[in-house]
C-alpha cells in the first residue's frame, strides 16, 4: 500500500469510527472474552473504518508482506454491523477515537513495510500501527509489532512506553503532510 492512501485523509472530516474489535483475552473465566484492560493503552482491531462527512468511508486494515504485516487503507462505502461477528470479534462504533478535521498525517515505514500512521484530528492525536496483543499462558499480554491487527492509540506516548516484543527501530518518515 502506498503512503498516499493515508495522506489523502488530510483535509477530510471524520465524523465517526466503526469496525471490528478483537478481544484481548479469550473466555477463560466463563464471563466471555475480554475486550478491555486498564493496563492496555490501545484498541486491538481486525478492521477500522473512518466515516467521512461527505458520506464516504475509508477502510483501514493490514496486508501481509514477506517481513510481516503493514497497514493499508482504501476508499469504501460505510459498513454496518451485519451480525456475523461474535466470540472473539465484535462490531462496534469507537467514540473514544478523535473526530473532526484531519489536520496532519505522518506515515512511517519499518524496513519496507508501512508500519505506522500518525494523525492529528482536530487537536487530538491518533496513532495506528500494525501489531497485535498476544495473550501469554500466565494471562499477560505481549505487544507484537508488524502483526496482523490494527492497534489504535490516542496517546502517542503510550506507543513509546508499551512493552513491545521487538524494539521499534528508527522509522523512516515516508510522508508527512503540511498542517491544514
N, C-alpha and C. Protein backbone atom coordinates (compact mmCIF):
# COMPACT_ATOMS: atom_id res chain seq x y z
N UNK A 1 0.85 -1.18 0.00
CA UNK A 1 0.00 0.00 0.00
C UNK A 1 0.89 1.24 0.00
N UNK A 2 0.36 2.29 -0.50
CA UNK A 2 1.17 3.50 -0.59
C UNK A 2 0.81 4.46 0.53
N UNK A 3 1.73 5.34 0.77
CA UNK A 3 1.50 6.36 1.79
C UNK A 3 0.37 7.29 1.40
N UNK A 4 0.12 7.44 0.10
CA UNK A 4 -0.93 8.34 -0.36
C UNK A 4 -2.31 7.92 0.11
N UNK A 5 -2.49 6.63 0.37
CA UNK A 5 -3.77 6.16 0.87
C UNK A 5 -4.11 6.82 2.20
N UNK A 6 -3.10 7.06 3.02
CA UNK A 6 -3.32 7.70 4.31
C UNK A 6 -3.23 9.22 4.22
N UNK A 7 -2.26 9.73 3.46
CA UNK A 7 -2.11 11.18 3.39
C UNK A 7 -3.29 11.85 2.69
N UNK A 8 -4.03 11.09 1.89
CA UNK A 8 -5.23 11.65 1.24
C UNK A 8 -6.30 12.02 2.26
N UNK A 9 -6.18 11.53 3.48
CA UNK A 9 -7.15 11.89 4.52
C UNK A 9 -6.95 13.32 5.04
N UNK A 10 -5.76 13.90 4.82
CA UNK A 10 -5.52 15.27 5.28
C UNK A 10 -6.54 16.20 4.64
N UNK A 11 -7.19 17.00 5.46
CA UNK A 11 -8.21 17.94 4.98
C UNK A 11 -9.62 17.36 4.98
N UNK A 12 -9.74 16.05 5.18
CA UNK A 12 -11.07 15.42 5.28
C UNK A 12 -11.60 15.57 6.69
N UNK A 13 -12.91 15.46 6.83
CA UNK A 13 -13.54 15.47 8.15
C UNK A 13 -14.05 14.08 8.47
N UNK A 14 -13.57 13.55 9.57
CA UNK A 14 -14.05 12.25 10.04
C UNK A 14 -15.17 12.53 11.04
N UNK A 15 -16.33 11.93 10.77
CA UNK A 15 -17.46 12.16 11.68
C UNK A 15 -17.68 11.00 12.65
N UNK A 16 -17.14 9.82 12.35
CA UNK A 16 -17.28 8.68 13.26
C UNK A 16 -16.31 7.58 12.84
N UNK A 17 -16.09 6.67 13.77
CA UNK A 17 -15.27 5.48 13.53
C UNK A 17 -16.11 4.25 13.87
N UNK A 18 -15.94 3.18 13.11
CA UNK A 18 -16.61 1.91 13.40
C UNK A 18 -15.71 0.79 12.89
N UNK A 19 -15.99 -0.42 13.32
CA UNK A 19 -15.20 -1.54 12.83
C UNK A 19 -15.33 -2.76 13.70
N UNK A 20 -14.41 -3.68 13.50
CA UNK A 20 -14.42 -4.96 14.20
C UNK A 20 -13.28 -4.97 15.22
N UNK A 21 -13.66 -5.07 16.48
CA UNK A 21 -12.70 -5.12 17.57
C UNK A 21 -12.38 -6.58 17.89
N UNK A 22 -11.13 -6.84 18.21
CA UNK A 22 -10.69 -8.18 18.61
C UNK A 22 -10.48 -8.23 20.12
N UNK A 23 -10.90 -9.31 20.73
CA UNK A 23 -10.73 -9.47 22.17
C UNK A 23 -9.25 -9.51 22.52
N UNK A 24 -8.92 -8.99 23.70
CA UNK A 24 -7.55 -9.05 24.22
C UNK A 24 -7.26 -10.42 24.82
N UNK A 25 -8.30 -10.99 25.42
CA UNK A 25 -8.16 -12.30 26.07
C UNK A 25 -9.38 -13.15 25.75
N UNK A 26 -9.14 -14.45 25.67
CA UNK A 26 -10.23 -15.38 25.43
C UNK A 26 -11.08 -15.54 26.69
N UNK A 27 -12.15 -16.28 26.56
CA UNK A 27 -13.05 -16.56 27.67
C UNK A 27 -12.47 -17.66 28.55
N UNK A 28 -11.74 -17.28 29.58
CA UNK A 28 -11.14 -18.28 30.46
C UNK A 28 -11.89 -18.40 31.78
N UNK A 29 -12.76 -17.46 32.09
CA UNK A 29 -13.48 -17.47 33.37
C UNK A 29 -14.96 -17.75 33.20
N UNK A 30 -15.41 -17.95 31.98
CA UNK A 30 -16.82 -18.18 31.75
C UNK A 30 -17.64 -16.91 31.63
N UNK A 31 -16.98 -15.76 31.64
CA UNK A 31 -17.69 -14.48 31.54
C UNK A 31 -17.66 -13.90 30.13
N UNK A 32 -17.04 -14.61 29.21
CA UNK A 32 -16.92 -14.12 27.84
C UNK A 32 -15.55 -13.53 27.59
N UNK A 33 -15.25 -13.24 26.33
CA UNK A 33 -13.95 -12.66 26.00
C UNK A 33 -13.79 -11.27 26.61
N UNK A 34 -12.54 -10.90 26.86
CA UNK A 34 -12.24 -9.59 27.46
C UNK A 34 -11.75 -8.65 26.35
N UNK A 35 -12.46 -7.55 26.16
CA UNK A 35 -12.11 -6.58 25.13
C UNK A 35 -11.37 -5.37 25.70
N UNK A 36 -11.32 -5.25 27.01
CA UNK A 36 -10.68 -4.09 27.62
C UNK A 36 -9.83 -4.53 28.80
N UNK A 37 -8.81 -3.74 29.08
CA UNK A 37 -7.93 -3.97 30.22
C UNK A 37 -7.37 -2.60 30.58
N UNK A 38 -7.44 -2.20 31.85
CA UNK A 38 -6.94 -0.87 32.22
C UNK A 38 -5.45 -0.67 31.95
N UNK A 39 -4.70 -1.77 31.79
CA UNK A 39 -3.26 -1.67 31.52
C UNK A 39 -2.93 -1.67 30.03
N UNK A 40 -3.95 -1.73 29.18
CA UNK A 40 -3.73 -1.75 27.73
C UNK A 40 -4.16 -0.39 27.17
N UNK A 41 -3.20 0.38 26.64
CA UNK A 41 -3.49 1.76 26.20
C UNK A 41 -3.97 1.88 24.75
N UNK A 42 -4.53 0.80 24.21
CA UNK A 42 -4.93 0.86 22.80
C UNK A 42 -6.12 -0.06 22.55
N UNK A 43 -6.71 0.11 21.38
CA UNK A 43 -7.72 -0.81 20.88
C UNK A 43 -7.03 -1.79 19.94
N UNK A 44 -7.47 -3.05 19.96
CA UNK A 44 -6.97 -4.05 19.03
C UNK A 44 -8.09 -4.33 18.03
N UNK A 45 -7.83 -4.05 16.75
CA UNK A 45 -8.88 -4.08 15.75
C UNK A 45 -8.56 -5.02 14.60
N UNK A 46 -9.56 -5.74 14.17
CA UNK A 46 -9.44 -6.54 12.96
C UNK A 46 -9.53 -5.61 11.75
N UNK A 47 -10.43 -4.65 11.84
CA UNK A 47 -10.57 -3.64 10.80
C UNK A 47 -11.16 -2.38 11.41
N UNK A 48 -10.87 -1.27 10.78
CA UNK A 48 -11.34 0.03 11.25
C UNK A 48 -11.85 0.80 10.05
N UNK A 49 -12.93 1.54 10.26
CA UNK A 49 -13.48 2.34 9.18
C UNK A 49 -13.71 3.76 9.67
N UNK A 50 -13.16 4.73 8.92
CA UNK A 50 -13.39 6.15 9.19
C UNK A 50 -14.57 6.58 8.34
N UNK A 51 -15.61 7.09 8.98
CA UNK A 51 -16.78 7.60 8.25
C UNK A 51 -16.58 9.09 8.03
N UNK A 52 -16.56 9.49 6.77
CA UNK A 52 -16.30 10.87 6.39
C UNK A 52 -17.60 11.65 6.31
N UNK A 53 -17.49 12.97 6.46
CA UNK A 53 -18.69 13.81 6.46
C UNK A 53 -19.35 13.91 5.09
N UNK A 54 -18.68 13.47 4.02
CA UNK A 54 -19.29 13.51 2.69
C UNK A 54 -20.07 12.23 2.38
N UNK A 55 -20.18 11.33 3.38
CA UNK A 55 -20.92 10.08 3.21
C UNK A 55 -20.05 8.90 2.82
N UNK A 56 -18.79 9.15 2.46
CA UNK A 56 -17.87 8.08 2.11
C UNK A 56 -17.20 7.50 3.34
N UNK A 57 -16.32 6.56 3.10
CA UNK A 57 -15.60 5.93 4.19
C UNK A 57 -14.23 5.49 3.70
N UNK A 58 -13.34 5.24 4.66
CA UNK A 58 -12.02 4.70 4.39
C UNK A 58 -11.83 3.48 5.27
N UNK A 59 -11.55 2.33 4.65
CA UNK A 59 -11.27 1.10 5.37
C UNK A 59 -9.78 1.04 5.69
N UNK A 60 -9.46 0.70 6.93
CA UNK A 60 -8.07 0.56 7.36
C UNK A 60 -7.89 -0.84 7.92
N UNK A 61 -6.89 -1.52 7.42
CA UNK A 61 -6.60 -2.88 7.86
C UNK A 61 -5.12 -3.15 7.71
N UNK A 62 -4.77 -4.42 7.52
CA UNK A 62 -3.38 -4.80 7.34
C UNK A 62 -3.23 -5.67 6.10
N UNK A 63 -2.01 -5.74 5.60
CA UNK A 63 -1.64 -6.61 4.49
C UNK A 63 -0.41 -7.39 4.92
N UNK A 64 -0.20 -8.56 4.34
CA UNK A 64 0.97 -9.37 4.69
C UNK A 64 2.05 -9.19 3.65
N UNK A 65 3.27 -8.99 4.16
CA UNK A 65 4.47 -8.85 3.36
C UNK A 65 5.41 -9.98 3.78
N UNK A 66 6.49 -10.18 3.08
CA UNK A 66 7.45 -11.22 3.47
C UNK A 66 8.01 -11.02 4.87
N UNK A 67 8.15 -9.79 5.31
CA UNK A 67 8.76 -9.48 6.59
C UNK A 67 7.76 -9.32 7.73
N UNK A 68 6.48 -9.26 7.43
CA UNK A 68 5.47 -9.04 8.47
C UNK A 68 4.23 -8.42 7.87
N UNK A 69 3.44 -7.79 8.71
CA UNK A 69 2.21 -7.15 8.29
C UNK A 69 2.38 -5.64 8.33
N UNK A 70 1.74 -4.95 7.40
CA UNK A 70 1.76 -3.50 7.36
C UNK A 70 0.34 -2.96 7.27
N UNK A 71 0.22 -1.66 7.43
CA UNK A 71 -1.08 -1.00 7.34
C UNK A 71 -1.48 -0.78 5.89
N UNK A 72 -2.77 -0.81 5.64
CA UNK A 72 -3.29 -0.47 4.32
C UNK A 72 -4.62 0.25 4.49
N UNK A 73 -5.00 1.00 3.48
CA UNK A 73 -6.29 1.68 3.50
C UNK A 73 -6.82 1.78 2.08
N UNK A 74 -8.14 1.93 2.01
CA UNK A 74 -8.76 2.12 0.70
C UNK A 74 -10.10 2.81 0.90
N UNK A 75 -10.51 3.56 -0.12
CA UNK A 75 -11.82 4.18 -0.09
C UNK A 75 -12.88 3.11 -0.13
N UNK A 76 -14.01 3.40 0.47
CA UNK A 76 -15.04 2.39 0.63
C UNK A 76 -16.40 3.06 0.81
N UNK A 77 -17.40 2.24 0.97
CA UNK A 77 -18.69 2.74 1.41
C UNK A 77 -18.85 2.33 2.86
N UNK A 78 -19.69 3.01 3.58
CA UNK A 78 -19.86 2.73 5.00
C UNK A 78 -20.39 1.32 5.23
N UNK A 79 -19.77 0.65 6.18
CA UNK A 79 -20.23 -0.68 6.58
C UNK A 79 -21.00 -0.56 7.88
N UNK A 80 -21.85 -1.51 8.10
CA UNK A 80 -22.61 -1.55 9.35
C UNK A 80 -22.59 -2.98 9.86
N UNK A 81 -22.94 -3.17 11.11
CA UNK A 81 -22.94 -4.50 11.71
C UNK A 81 -23.88 -5.40 10.93
N UNK A 82 -23.33 -6.46 10.36
CA UNK A 82 -24.16 -7.40 9.62
C UNK A 82 -24.48 -8.64 10.44
N UNK A 83 -24.14 -8.62 11.72
CA UNK A 83 -24.48 -9.71 12.61
C UNK A 83 -23.59 -10.93 12.51
N UNK A 84 -22.54 -10.88 11.70
CA UNK A 84 -21.71 -12.07 11.55
C UNK A 84 -20.56 -12.14 12.54
N UNK A 85 -20.36 -11.10 13.34
CA UNK A 85 -19.24 -11.08 14.27
C UNK A 85 -19.70 -11.55 15.64
N UNK A 86 -18.90 -12.37 16.27
CA UNK A 86 -19.21 -12.86 17.61
C UNK A 86 -17.97 -13.49 18.21
N UNK A 87 -18.09 -13.96 19.42
CA UNK A 87 -16.96 -14.59 20.10
C UNK A 87 -15.85 -13.60 20.36
N UNK A 88 -14.68 -13.86 19.77
CA UNK A 88 -13.52 -13.00 19.98
C UNK A 88 -13.57 -11.72 19.16
N UNK A 89 -14.59 -11.55 18.33
CA UNK A 89 -14.73 -10.37 17.47
C UNK A 89 -16.08 -9.73 17.73
N UNK A 90 -16.11 -8.40 17.67
CA UNK A 90 -17.38 -7.70 17.77
C UNK A 90 -17.32 -6.42 16.94
N UNK A 91 -18.44 -6.13 16.31
CA UNK A 91 -18.59 -4.89 15.56
C UNK A 91 -19.06 -3.83 16.53
N UNK A 92 -18.47 -2.64 16.45
CA UNK A 92 -18.96 -1.53 17.28
C UNK A 92 -18.45 -0.21 16.73
N UNK A 93 -19.04 0.87 17.23
CA UNK A 93 -18.52 2.20 16.94
C UNK A 93 -17.45 2.50 17.98
N UNK A 94 -16.57 3.47 17.67
CA UNK A 94 -15.45 3.80 18.55
C UNK A 94 -15.49 5.30 18.89
N UNK A 95 -16.37 5.68 19.81
CA UNK A 95 -16.46 7.10 20.18
C UNK A 95 -15.22 7.61 20.90
N UNK A 96 -14.35 6.70 21.36
CA UNK A 96 -13.13 7.12 22.03
C UNK A 96 -12.05 7.60 21.07
N UNK A 97 -12.24 7.38 19.77
CA UNK A 97 -11.28 7.87 18.78
C UNK A 97 -11.68 9.27 18.33
N UNK A 98 -10.70 10.12 18.02
CA UNK A 98 -11.00 11.52 17.70
C UNK A 98 -11.72 11.68 16.36
N UNK A 99 -12.60 12.67 16.33
CA UNK A 99 -13.31 13.02 15.10
C UNK A 99 -13.08 14.49 14.81
N UNK A 100 -13.33 14.88 13.56
CA UNK A 100 -13.14 16.26 13.15
C UNK A 100 -12.24 16.33 11.94
N UNK A 101 -11.66 17.49 11.72
CA UNK A 101 -10.79 17.75 10.58
C UNK A 101 -9.44 17.06 10.77
N UNK A 102 -9.02 16.29 9.77
CA UNK A 102 -7.69 15.67 9.79
C UNK A 102 -6.70 16.76 9.39
N UNK A 103 -5.96 17.25 10.37
CA UNK A 103 -5.07 18.39 10.16
C UNK A 103 -3.66 17.98 9.75
N UNK A 104 -3.24 16.79 10.13
CA UNK A 104 -1.85 16.39 9.90
C UNK A 104 -1.78 14.86 9.79
N UNK A 105 -0.95 14.39 8.87
CA UNK A 105 -0.72 12.95 8.70
C UNK A 105 0.77 12.72 8.51
N UNK A 106 1.32 11.73 9.21
CA UNK A 106 2.70 11.29 9.00
C UNK A 106 2.67 9.77 8.89
N UNK A 107 3.37 9.24 7.90
CA UNK A 107 3.38 7.81 7.63
C UNK A 107 4.81 7.31 7.77
N UNK A 108 4.98 6.16 8.44
CA UNK A 108 6.31 5.63 8.75
C UNK A 108 6.47 4.22 8.24
N UNK A 109 7.62 3.96 7.67
CA UNK A 109 7.99 2.60 7.25
C UNK A 109 8.98 2.03 8.24
N UNK A 110 8.93 0.71 8.39
CA UNK A 110 9.95 -0.03 9.09
C UNK A 110 10.38 -1.10 8.10
N UNK A 111 11.64 -1.06 7.70
CA UNK A 111 12.09 -1.85 6.56
C UNK A 111 11.26 -1.38 5.36
N UNK A 112 10.61 -2.28 4.65
CA UNK A 112 9.79 -1.88 3.51
C UNK A 112 8.30 -1.97 3.81
N UNK A 113 7.96 -2.01 5.09
CA UNK A 113 6.56 -2.20 5.50
C UNK A 113 6.01 -0.89 6.03
N UNK A 114 4.80 -0.54 5.61
CA UNK A 114 4.13 0.63 6.13
C UNK A 114 3.66 0.27 7.55
N UNK A 115 4.43 0.68 8.55
CA UNK A 115 4.25 0.22 9.92
C UNK A 115 3.30 1.08 10.74
N UNK A 116 3.32 2.40 10.54
CA UNK A 116 2.55 3.30 11.39
C UNK A 116 2.01 4.48 10.60
N UNK A 117 0.86 4.98 11.03
CA UNK A 117 0.30 6.22 10.51
C UNK A 117 -0.11 7.07 11.71
N UNK A 118 0.39 8.29 11.76
CA UNK A 118 0.10 9.21 12.86
C UNK A 118 -0.77 10.34 12.33
N UNK A 119 -1.82 10.64 13.06
CA UNK A 119 -2.77 11.68 12.65
C UNK A 119 -2.93 12.70 13.76
N UNK A 120 -3.28 13.93 13.38
CA UNK A 120 -3.82 14.92 14.32
C UNK A 120 -5.18 15.27 13.76
N UNK A 121 -6.19 14.94 14.53
CA UNK A 121 -7.57 15.16 14.12
C UNK A 121 -8.12 16.19 15.09
N UNK A 122 -8.39 17.39 14.59
CA UNK A 122 -8.66 18.50 15.49
C UNK A 122 -7.37 18.73 16.25
N UNK A 123 -7.44 18.74 17.54
CA UNK A 123 -6.21 18.89 18.34
C UNK A 123 -5.77 17.57 18.94
N UNK A 124 -6.43 16.46 18.57
CA UNK A 124 -6.17 15.18 19.21
C UNK A 124 -5.33 14.26 18.33
N UNK A 125 -4.38 13.56 18.94
CA UNK A 125 -3.55 12.62 18.17
C UNK A 125 -4.24 11.25 18.04
N UNK A 126 -3.86 10.54 17.00
CA UNK A 126 -4.26 9.15 16.81
C UNK A 126 -3.10 8.45 16.11
N UNK A 127 -2.64 7.35 16.69
CA UNK A 127 -1.58 6.55 16.09
C UNK A 127 -2.17 5.18 15.76
N UNK A 128 -2.06 4.80 14.50
CA UNK A 128 -2.47 3.47 14.06
C UNK A 128 -1.21 2.72 13.68
N UNK A 129 -1.09 1.49 14.13
CA UNK A 129 0.07 0.70 13.74
C UNK A 129 -0.30 -0.76 13.57
N UNK A 130 0.47 -1.42 12.72
CA UNK A 130 0.27 -2.85 12.51
C UNK A 130 0.90 -3.58 13.68
N UNK A 131 0.09 -4.36 14.38
CA UNK A 131 0.58 -5.09 15.54
C UNK A 131 -0.52 -5.95 16.11
N UNK A 132 -0.22 -6.59 17.20
CA UNK A 132 -1.23 -7.42 17.85
C UNK A 132 -0.81 -7.68 19.28
N UNK A 133 -1.78 -7.90 20.13
CA UNK A 133 -1.52 -8.26 21.51
C UNK A 133 -1.71 -9.76 21.64
N UNK A 134 -0.67 -10.43 22.10
CA UNK A 134 -0.71 -11.89 22.23
C UNK A 134 -0.82 -12.25 23.69
N UNK A 135 -1.81 -13.07 24.00
CA UNK A 135 -2.02 -13.49 25.37
C UNK A 135 -1.00 -14.57 25.74
N UNK A 136 -0.39 -14.43 26.92
CA UNK A 136 0.56 -15.44 27.40
C UNK A 136 -0.19 -16.48 28.24
N UNK A 137 0.47 -17.59 28.53
CA UNK A 137 -0.15 -18.64 29.35
C UNK A 137 -0.48 -18.13 30.75
N UNK A 138 0.28 -17.16 31.22
CA UNK A 138 0.03 -16.60 32.55
C UNK A 138 -1.01 -15.50 32.56
N UNK A 139 -1.64 -15.23 31.41
CA UNK A 139 -2.68 -14.20 31.35
C UNK A 139 -2.18 -12.82 31.01
N UNK A 140 -0.87 -12.66 30.83
CA UNK A 140 -0.32 -11.36 30.43
C UNK A 140 -0.49 -11.14 28.94
N UNK A 141 -0.05 -10.00 28.50
CA UNK A 141 -0.12 -9.66 27.08
C UNK A 141 1.24 -9.19 26.58
N UNK A 142 1.61 -9.67 25.40
CA UNK A 142 2.83 -9.24 24.74
C UNK A 142 2.43 -8.39 23.54
N UNK A 143 3.01 -7.21 23.43
CA UNK A 143 2.75 -6.31 22.30
C UNK A 143 3.62 -6.73 21.13
N UNK A 144 3.01 -7.27 20.08
CA UNK A 144 3.74 -7.72 18.89
C UNK A 144 3.72 -6.61 17.84
N UNK A 145 4.87 -6.34 17.25
CA UNK A 145 4.96 -5.36 16.18
C UNK A 145 4.78 -6.04 14.83
N UNK A 146 4.31 -5.29 13.86
CA UNK A 146 4.17 -5.74 12.48
C UNK A 146 3.39 -7.05 12.39
N UNK A 147 2.29 -7.10 13.14
CA UNK A 147 1.44 -8.27 13.14
C UNK A 147 0.10 -7.92 12.48
N UNK A 148 -0.84 -8.85 12.47
CA UNK A 148 -1.99 -8.78 11.58
C UNK A 148 -3.17 -7.92 12.02
N UNK A 149 -3.09 -7.23 13.13
CA UNK A 149 -4.19 -6.37 13.58
C UNK A 149 -3.79 -4.90 13.46
N UNK A 150 -4.76 -4.04 13.66
CA UNK A 150 -4.52 -2.60 13.73
C UNK A 150 -4.64 -2.22 15.20
N UNK A 151 -3.59 -1.64 15.75
CA UNK A 151 -3.63 -1.12 17.11
C UNK A 151 -3.83 0.38 17.03
N UNK A 152 -4.82 0.89 17.76
CA UNK A 152 -5.16 2.31 17.73
C UNK A 152 -4.87 2.92 19.10
N UNK A 153 -3.95 3.90 19.12
CA UNK A 153 -3.54 4.60 20.34
C UNK A 153 -3.98 6.06 20.24
N UNK A 154 -4.59 6.59 21.28
CA UNK A 154 -4.90 8.03 21.32
C UNK A 154 -3.85 8.80 22.12
N UNK A 155 -2.89 8.09 22.69
CA UNK A 155 -1.78 8.70 23.41
C UNK A 155 -0.48 8.24 22.76
N UNK A 156 0.16 9.11 21.96
CA UNK A 156 1.40 8.71 21.30
C UNK A 156 2.49 8.27 22.29
N UNK A 157 2.52 8.83 23.47
CA UNK A 157 3.50 8.43 24.48
C UNK A 157 3.32 6.98 24.89
N UNK A 158 2.09 6.49 24.88
CA UNK A 158 1.83 5.09 25.25
C UNK A 158 2.44 4.14 24.23
N UNK A 159 2.53 4.57 22.97
CA UNK A 159 3.18 3.73 21.95
C UNK A 159 4.64 3.53 22.34
N UNK A 160 5.30 4.60 22.73
CA UNK A 160 6.71 4.54 23.08
C UNK A 160 6.97 3.73 24.36
N UNK A 161 6.00 3.72 25.27
CA UNK A 161 6.20 3.07 26.56
C UNK A 161 5.58 1.68 26.66
N UNK A 162 4.96 1.20 25.61
CA UNK A 162 4.38 -0.16 25.64
C UNK A 162 5.49 -1.19 25.53
N UNK A 163 5.30 -2.35 26.16
CA UNK A 163 6.34 -3.40 26.15
C UNK A 163 6.30 -4.22 24.86
N UNK A 164 6.99 -3.75 23.83
CA UNK A 164 6.99 -4.41 22.52
C UNK A 164 7.88 -5.64 22.54
N UNK A 165 7.52 -6.64 21.73
CA UNK A 165 8.32 -7.87 21.62
C UNK A 165 9.67 -7.60 20.96
N UNK A 166 9.72 -6.63 20.06
CA UNK A 166 10.98 -6.21 19.45
C UNK A 166 11.03 -4.69 19.51
N UNK A 167 12.21 -4.17 19.52
CA UNK A 167 12.36 -2.72 19.60
C UNK A 167 11.77 -2.06 18.36
N UNK A 168 11.15 -0.92 18.58
CA UNK A 168 10.70 -0.11 17.44
C UNK A 168 11.96 0.52 16.88
N UNK A 169 12.34 0.08 15.70
CA UNK A 169 13.54 0.63 15.07
C UNK A 169 13.27 2.05 14.60
N UNK A 170 14.34 2.79 14.41
CA UNK A 170 14.17 4.14 13.87
C UNK A 170 13.33 4.01 12.62
N UNK A 171 12.26 4.72 12.60
CA UNK A 171 11.33 4.61 11.48
C UNK A 171 11.62 5.70 10.47
N UNK A 172 11.57 5.32 9.24
CA UNK A 172 11.75 6.28 8.16
C UNK A 172 10.42 6.98 7.91
N UNK A 173 10.42 8.30 7.99
CA UNK A 173 9.20 9.05 7.65
C UNK A 173 9.12 9.06 6.14
N UNK A 174 8.08 8.42 5.60
CA UNK A 174 7.95 8.38 4.17
C UNK A 174 7.12 9.53 3.63
N UNK A 175 6.28 10.06 4.47
CA UNK A 175 5.48 11.19 4.03
C UNK A 175 4.90 11.89 5.24
N UNK A 176 4.96 13.19 5.20
CA UNK A 176 4.34 13.99 6.24
C UNK A 176 3.66 15.15 5.56
N UNK A 177 2.39 15.34 5.86
CA UNK A 177 1.63 16.41 5.21
C UNK A 177 1.85 17.71 5.95
N UNK A 178 1.75 18.82 5.25
CA UNK A 178 1.74 20.10 5.98
C UNK A 178 0.42 20.21 6.75
N UNK A 179 0.43 21.00 7.79
CA UNK A 179 -0.79 21.20 8.58
C UNK A 179 -1.85 21.90 7.73
N UNK A 180 -3.11 21.56 8.03
CA UNK A 180 -4.23 22.23 7.36
C UNK A 180 -4.39 23.60 7.96
